[in-house]
């Protein structure tokens, strides 16, 4: 069994910790967190030990490191873990600043770095991708990606999030790159504060529309909002020369009630921890395969830089009101 150390025992860190424990080829050996209470709680729940960063990096029995700490530490910890010979599973985004991320290219060359854009591992989206690759609707022409949260996060979170494009839409930028099959070369974005005045006061937007264009002319429209009003809204439509492939929202059950008043379905799953539970488990299985030497990271350093470049281009376009070349 591969011994894994977790850096960051917050919400997403606890999800990864549980998936490590559930995987037959992995064991959680250590938990690192600046908040001692959080580290102790995660360690007690999983049978791991509390440790500091230097100790786990120096421990030759630790095969892999999960970086689930605050975003401003992702790049530094990933570089240090790679230098220590560890395989790295790093949460998105790779950094808040594009130039800093690009400057780490030499340090991360050859790294076994797996970047946590979990939506690529969602079974519905993977089936959509497989359908596109198989040519079921002919050549892809355009995409519509919808990603709306059920309700806005606390303003305290918004202030340190890096903004809607880097914190929220960056998942959609990665999905667009993955599905389009070629790099976007131009970005145009609008943004507004329509949900919570406090988000505007914090210098961010809560509603955005972004258009991506590739060199061949393929188009992708990304719709984001911090509030849907009806649950976690995650949909993709891919339009090809011979039809459309659609991945729709996931409901809490498959039960439908049909009466004279019409058809009724169960409500949508409420947030990402439910909607992407299977994707998080699949990510951990992929990380185990990387450690076993059975796979190379499906999503790596270059993907993180490319998604961050799109996020910064979208923010620049929103500020300037003009398209931005990538």
Protein backbone atom coordinates (compact mmCIF):
# COMPACT_ATOMS: atom_id res chain seq x y z
CA UNK A 1 0.00 0.00 0.00
CA UNK A 2 1.24 3.48 -0.86
CA UNK A 3 1.57 5.85 2.09
CA UNK A 4 -0.05 9.23 1.39
CA UNK A 5 0.32 12.52 3.25
CA UNK A 6 -2.44 15.13 3.16
CA UNK A 7 -1.57 18.83 3.26
CA UNK A 8 -4.67 20.79 4.15
CA UNK A 9 -7.47 19.37 6.30
CA UNK A 10 -10.27 21.69 5.20
CA UNK A 11 -13.43 20.69 3.37
CA UNK A 12 -11.85 19.34 0.19
CA UNK A 13 -8.95 17.84 2.12
CA UNK A 14 -11.35 15.79 4.23
CA UNK A 15 -13.03 14.49 1.05
CA UNK A 16 -9.68 13.35 -0.33
CA UNK A 17 -8.71 11.83 3.03
CA UNK A 18 -11.85 9.69 3.10
CA UNK A 19 -11.21 8.52 -0.47
CA UNK A 20 -7.63 7.59 0.39
CA UNK A 21 -8.86 5.52 3.32
CA UNK A 22 -11.47 3.82 1.12
CA UNK A 23 -8.96 2.84 -1.59
CA UNK A 24 -7.43 -0.63 -1.12
CA UNK A 25 -4.04 0.41 -2.48
CA UNK A 26 -3.57 3.56 -0.39
CA UNK A 27 -3.19 4.45 3.25
CA UNK A 28 -3.26 7.92 4.79
CA UNK A 29 -0.14 8.16 6.90
CA UNK A 30 0.06 11.86 7.81
CA UNK A 31 -2.01 15.03 7.96
CA UNK A 32 -0.46 18.50 7.79
CA UNK A 33 -2.39 21.68 8.56
CA UNK A 34 -1.47 25.01 10.13
CA UNK A 35 -4.70 24.77 12.12
CA UNK A 36 -3.85 22.21 14.79
CA UNK A 37 -7.48 21.37 15.58
CA UNK A 38 -8.25 20.63 11.93
CA UNK A 39 -5.19 18.43 11.59
CA UNK A 40 -6.04 16.46 14.76
CA UNK A 41 -9.66 15.97 13.71
CA UNK A 42 -8.70 14.66 10.27
CA UNK A 43 -6.00 12.40 11.73
CA UNK A 44 -8.35 10.93 14.33
CA UNK A 45 -11.01 10.26 11.70
CA UNK A 46 -8.62 8.39 9.42
CA UNK A 47 -6.03 6.80 11.69
CA UNK A 48 -3.26 9.06 10.39
CA UNK A 49 -0.63 10.97 12.34
CA UNK A 50 -0.31 14.74 12.60
CA UNK A 51 2.96 15.95 11.13
CA UNK A 52 4.65 19.05 9.76
CA UNK A 53 5.51 19.65 6.12
CA UNK A 54 9.27 19.23 6.43
CA UNK A 55 8.83 15.89 8.17
CA UNK A 56 6.64 14.34 5.49
CA UNK A 57 8.83 15.62 2.67
CA UNK A 58 11.88 14.07 4.33
CA UNK A 59 10.13 10.74 5.01
CA UNK A 60 11.11 8.23 2.31
CA UNK A 61 8.13 6.01 3.15
CA UNK A 62 5.68 8.69 1.99
CA UNK A 63 5.06 7.96 -1.70
CA UNK A 64 2.54 10.66 -2.51
CA UNK A 65 1.34 14.03 -1.29
CA UNK A 66 -2.12 15.57 -1.67
CA UNK A 67 -1.99 19.37 -1.73
CA UNK A 68 -5.41 20.58 -0.56
CA UNK A 69 -4.27 23.66 1.34
CA UNK A 70 -5.11 27.29 0.53
CA UNK A 71 -4.64 28.24 -3.13
CA UNK A 72 -1.73 30.57 -2.48
CA UNK A 73 0.31 27.56 -1.26
CA UNK A 74 -0.47 25.12 -4.08
CA UNK A 75 2.46 25.91 -6.36
CA UNK A 76 5.08 26.13 -3.61
CA UNK A 77 4.03 22.86 -1.97
CA UNK A 78 3.78 21.05 -5.31
CA UNK A 79 7.29 22.15 -6.27
CA UNK A 80 8.70 21.14 -2.88
CA UNK A 81 6.96 17.77 -2.89
CA UNK A 82 8.20 16.98 -6.40
CA UNK A 83 11.74 17.98 -5.42
CA UNK A 84 11.45 15.52 -2.53
CA UNK A 85 10.61 12.73 -4.95
CA UNK A 86 6.90 12.48 -4.21
CA UNK A 87 4.02 12.01 -6.58
CA UNK A 88 1.73 15.03 -6.20
CA UNK A 89 -2.05 15.34 -6.35
CA UNK A 90 -2.68 19.11 -6.27
CA UNK A 91 -6.02 20.86 -6.08
CA UNK A 92 -6.90 23.53 -8.64
CA UNK A 93 -5.91 26.21 -9.48
CA UNK A 94 -2.19 25.65 -9.60
CA UNK A 95 -1.63 29.26 -8.48
CA UNK A 96 -3.33 32.63 -8.31
CA UNK A 97 -0.80 34.30 -10.63
CA UNK A 98 -0.12 33.20 -14.20
CA UNK A 99 3.46 34.45 -14.36
CA UNK A 100 4.35 32.66 -11.12
CA UNK A 101 2.83 29.46 -12.48
CA UNK A 102 4.75 29.76 -15.74
CA UNK A 103 7.99 30.44 -13.86
CA UNK A 104 7.74 27.00 -12.23
CA UNK A 105 8.06 25.16 -15.54
CA UNK A 106 11.65 24.07 -14.98
CA UNK A 107 11.01 23.07 -11.38
CA UNK A 108 8.08 20.86 -12.39
CA UNK A 109 9.56 19.32 -15.52
CA UNK A 110 9.03 15.57 -15.33
CA UNK A 111 6.88 15.83 -12.22
CA UNK A 112 4.32 13.18 -11.42
CA UNK A 113 1.88 16.02 -10.87
CA UNK A 114 -1.84 15.32 -11.11
CA UNK A 115 -3.97 18.47 -11.03
CA UNK A 116 -7.43 18.13 -9.49
CA UNK A 117 -9.83 19.26 -12.20
CA UNK A 118 -12.28 16.67 -10.96
CA UNK A 119 -15.02 17.26 -13.54
CA UNK A 120 -13.05 15.38 -16.18
CA UNK A 121 -13.63 12.30 -14.01
CA UNK A 122 -17.40 12.71 -13.75
CA UNK A 123 -18.93 9.65 -15.48
CA UNK A 124 -21.55 11.72 -17.30
CA UNK A 125 -19.01 14.15 -18.72
CA UNK A 126 -16.63 11.32 -19.61
CA UNK A 127 -19.45 9.63 -21.53
CA UNK A 128 -20.12 12.90 -23.36
CA UNK A 129 -16.41 13.17 -24.24
CA UNK A 130 -16.36 9.56 -25.44
CA UNK A 131 -19.35 10.27 -27.67
CA UNK A 132 -17.61 13.25 -29.21
CA UNK A 133 -14.39 11.31 -29.75
CA UNK A 134 -16.38 8.51 -31.42
CA UNK A 135 -17.92 10.99 -33.84
CA UNK A 136 -21.50 10.27 -32.77
CA UNK A 137 -22.61 13.80 -33.75
CA UNK A 138 -20.00 14.47 -36.39
CA UNK A 139 -17.36 17.17 -36.11
CA UNK A 140 -17.73 19.35 -33.01
CA UNK A 141 -18.75 22.92 -33.80
CA UNK A 142 -19.75 24.55 -30.51
CA UNK A 143 -20.17 24.00 -26.79
CA UNK A 144 -22.49 25.39 -24.13
CA UNK A 145 -21.22 24.91 -20.56
CA UNK A 146 -23.51 25.92 -17.69
CA UNK A 147 -22.15 26.04 -14.15
CA UNK A 148 -24.28 27.71 -11.49
CA UNK A 149 -23.88 27.31 -7.74
CA UNK A 150 -27.03 26.90 -5.63
CA UNK A 151 -26.18 29.94 -3.48
CA UNK A 152 -23.28 32.38 -3.13
CA UNK A 153 -20.38 31.61 -0.78
CA UNK A 154 -19.61 33.80 2.25
CA UNK A 155 -18.09 37.14 1.31
CA UNK A 156 -15.05 36.32 3.45
CA UNK A 157 -14.39 33.44 1.05
CA UNK A 158 -14.95 35.61 -2.02
CA UNK A 159 -12.31 38.07 -0.82
CA UNK A 160 -9.57 35.42 -0.86
CA UNK A 161 -10.87 33.25 -3.72
CA UNK A 162 -9.06 34.97 -6.56
CA UNK A 163 -12.36 35.97 -8.15
CA UNK A 164 -15.08 34.15 -10.03
CA UNK A 165 -12.95 33.33 -13.07
CA UNK A 166 -10.05 31.77 -11.12
CA UNK A 167 -12.13 30.18 -8.39
CA UNK A 168 -15.28 28.98 -10.14
CA UNK A 169 -15.09 29.30 -13.93
CA UNK A 170 -11.60 27.80 -14.06
CA UNK A 171 -13.24 24.35 -13.91
CA UNK A 172 -15.22 25.28 -17.01
CA UNK A 173 -12.14 26.61 -18.82
CA UNK A 174 -10.50 23.23 -18.27
CA UNK A 175 -13.62 21.41 -19.47
CA UNK A 176 -13.75 23.60 -22.57
CA UNK A 177 -10.14 22.81 -23.46
CA UNK A 178 -10.73 19.10 -22.90
CA UNK A 179 -13.89 18.92 -25.00
CA UNK A 180 -12.97 21.35 -27.79
CA UNK A 181 -9.90 19.33 -28.67
CA UNK A 182 -7.92 22.46 -29.50
CA UNK A 183 -6.79 25.50 -27.58
CA UNK A 184 -8.92 28.64 -27.39
CA UNK A 185 -7.06 31.59 -28.89
CA UNK A 186 -9.50 34.40 -28.07
CA UNK A 187 -11.66 35.19 -25.03
CA UNK A 188 -14.48 37.66 -24.48
CA UNK A 189 -16.25 37.96 -21.13
CA UNK A 190 -18.96 39.98 -19.44
CA UNK A 191 -19.52 40.03 -15.69
CA UNK A 192 -22.07 41.58 -13.35
CA UNK A 193 -22.95 41.62 -9.67
CA UNK A 194 -26.62 40.61 -9.59
CA UNK A 195 -26.80 38.17 -6.68
CA UNK A 196 -25.19 39.81 -3.65
CA UNK A 197 -24.13 43.50 -3.34
CA UNK A 198 -21.46 42.43 -0.86
CA UNK A 199 -19.69 40.48 -3.63
CA UNK A 200 -19.50 43.66 -5.71
CA UNK A 201 -18.19 45.54 -2.67
CA UNK A 202 -15.46 42.90 -2.39
CA UNK A 203 -14.41 43.70 -5.97
CA UNK A 204 -15.79 40.60 -7.66
CA UNK A 205 -18.72 39.61 -9.88
CA UNK A 206 -21.23 36.85 -9.25
CA UNK A 207 -22.63 36.38 -12.76
CA UNK A 208 -20.61 35.97 -15.95
CA UNK A 209 -20.80 34.92 -19.58
CA UNK A 210 -17.60 34.00 -21.39
CA UNK A 211 -17.07 33.16 -25.06
CA UNK A 212 -14.03 31.17 -26.17
CA UNK A 213 -12.95 30.84 -29.80
CA UNK A 214 -10.40 28.39 -31.22
CA UNK A 215 -8.18 28.91 -34.25
CA UNK A 216 -10.51 26.78 -36.39
CA UNK A 217 -13.53 28.84 -35.29
CA UNK A 218 -15.10 26.48 -32.76
CA UNK A 219 -17.03 28.40 -30.11
CA UNK A 220 -17.74 27.75 -26.46
CA UNK A 221 -20.12 29.80 -24.29
CA UNK A 222 -19.66 29.42 -20.52
CA UNK A 223 -22.47 30.57 -18.22
CA UNK A 224 -21.63 31.09 -14.54
CA UNK A 225 -23.64 32.33 -11.59
CA UNK A 226 -23.11 32.14 -7.85
CA UNK A 227 -26.85 31.43 -7.44
CA UNK A 228 -29.18 29.20 -9.42
CA UNK A 229 -32.14 29.20 -7.06
CA UNK A 230 -32.85 25.51 -7.78
CA UNK A 231 -29.76 23.51 -6.81
CA UNK A 232 -26.37 22.76 -8.28
CA UNK A 233 -26.73 23.42 -12.00
CA UNK A 234 -24.12 21.56 -14.06
CA UNK A 235 -24.91 20.99 -17.74
CA UNK A 236 -23.00 20.63 -20.99
CA UNK A 237 -24.31 20.67 -24.56
CA UNK A 238 -21.98 19.78 -27.42
CA UNK A 239 -23.19 20.58 -30.94
CA UNK A 240 -21.77 18.74 -33.92
CA UNK A 241 -22.41 18.65 -37.64
CA UNK A 242 -24.88 15.76 -37.19
CA UNK A 243 -26.54 16.51 -33.85
CA UNK A 244 -26.03 17.28 -30.17
CA UNK A 245 -24.74 15.42 -27.10
CA UNK A 246 -26.05 16.67 -23.76
CA UNK A 247 -25.06 15.89 -20.17
CA UNK A 248 -27.79 17.09 -17.84
CA UNK A 249 -28.16 17.77 -14.13
CA UNK A 250 -28.21 14.89 -11.66
CA UNK A 251 -31.23 14.52 -9.38
CA UNK A 252 -31.25 13.06 -5.87
CA UNK A 253 -33.22 10.05 -7.13
CA UNK A 254 -34.51 8.74 -10.44
CA UNK A 255 -38.12 8.68 -9.22
CA UNK A 256 -40.67 10.50 -11.41
CA UNK A 257 -44.33 11.13 -10.57
CA UNK A 258 -46.81 11.58 -13.43
CA UNK A 259 -50.29 12.90 -12.65
CA UNK A 260 -52.93 15.09 -14.27
CA UNK A 261 -50.91 18.07 -13.05
CA UNK A 262 -47.93 16.93 -15.12
CA UNK A 263 -44.61 15.22 -14.49
CA UNK A 264 -42.58 15.84 -11.34
CA UNK A 265 -38.99 14.82 -10.62
CA UNK A 266 -36.80 14.85 -7.55
CA UNK A 267 -34.71 17.94 -6.83
CA UNK A 268 -31.20 18.41 -8.17
CA UNK A 269 -28.26 17.48 -5.98
CA UNK A 270 -27.47 20.50 -3.87
CA UNK A 271 -23.73 21.03 -4.12
CA UNK A 272 -20.44 19.81 -5.51
CA UNK A 273 -19.72 17.36 -2.68
CA UNK A 274 -22.78 15.34 -3.76
CA UNK A 275 -22.73 16.03 -7.49
CA UNK A 276 -19.09 15.08 -7.94
CA UNK A 277 -18.67 12.39 -5.27
CA UNK A 278 -18.02 9.74 -7.93
CA UNK A 279 -15.57 12.03 -9.71
CA UNK A 280 -13.55 12.53 -6.51
CA UNK A 281 -13.36 8.77 -5.98
CA UNK A 282 -12.28 8.26 -9.59
CA UNK A 283 -9.59 10.90 -9.18
CA UNK A 284 -8.13 9.03 -6.23
CA UNK A 285 -8.18 5.77 -8.16
CA UNK A 286 -6.25 7.52 -10.94
CA UNK A 287 -3.70 8.83 -8.43
CA UNK A 288 -3.25 5.27 -7.16
CA UNK A 289 -2.62 4.13 -10.72
CA UNK A 290 0.00 6.86 -11.10
CA UNK A 291 1.75 5.63 -7.96
CA UNK A 292 1.57 2.05 -9.26
CA UNK A 293 3.14 3.12 -12.55
CA UNK A 294 0.02 2.06 -14.45
CA UNK A 295 -0.84 5.57 -15.65
CA UNK A 296 0.58 9.02 -16.25
CA UNK A 297 -1.39 12.03 -14.98
CA UNK A 298 -4.36 12.79 -17.24
CA UNK A 299 -4.23 16.41 -16.09
CA UNK A 300 -0.89 18.01 -15.36
CA UNK A 301 1.09 21.20 -14.95
CA UNK A 302 0.53 22.45 -18.51
CA UNK A 303 -3.24 22.05 -18.12
CA UNK A 304 -3.16 24.11 -14.95
CA UNK A 305 -1.24 26.91 -16.65
CA UNK A 306 -3.55 26.87 -19.69
CA UNK A 307 -6.72 27.10 -17.57
CA UNK A 308 -5.21 29.91 -15.50
CA UNK A 309 -4.31 31.78 -18.69
CA UNK A 310 -7.95 31.62 -19.80
CA UNK A 311 -9.12 32.83 -16.39
CA UNK A 312 -6.81 35.84 -16.50
CA UNK A 313 -7.80 36.59 -20.10
CA UNK A 314 -11.48 36.50 -19.15
CA UNK A 315 -10.90 38.91 -16.26
CA UNK A 316 -8.93 41.24 -18.54
CA UNK A 317 -11.67 41.12 -21.18
CA UNK A 318 -14.33 41.92 -18.60
CA UNK A 319 -12.34 44.93 -17.40
CA UNK A 320 -11.56 46.24 -20.89
CA UNK A 321 -14.76 45.32 -22.69
CA UNK A 322 -12.66 43.90 -25.52
CA UNK A 323 -11.70 40.40 -26.74
CA UNK A 324 -8.34 39.18 -25.46
CA UNK A 325 -5.95 37.01 -27.45
CA UNK A 326 -4.50 34.07 -25.54
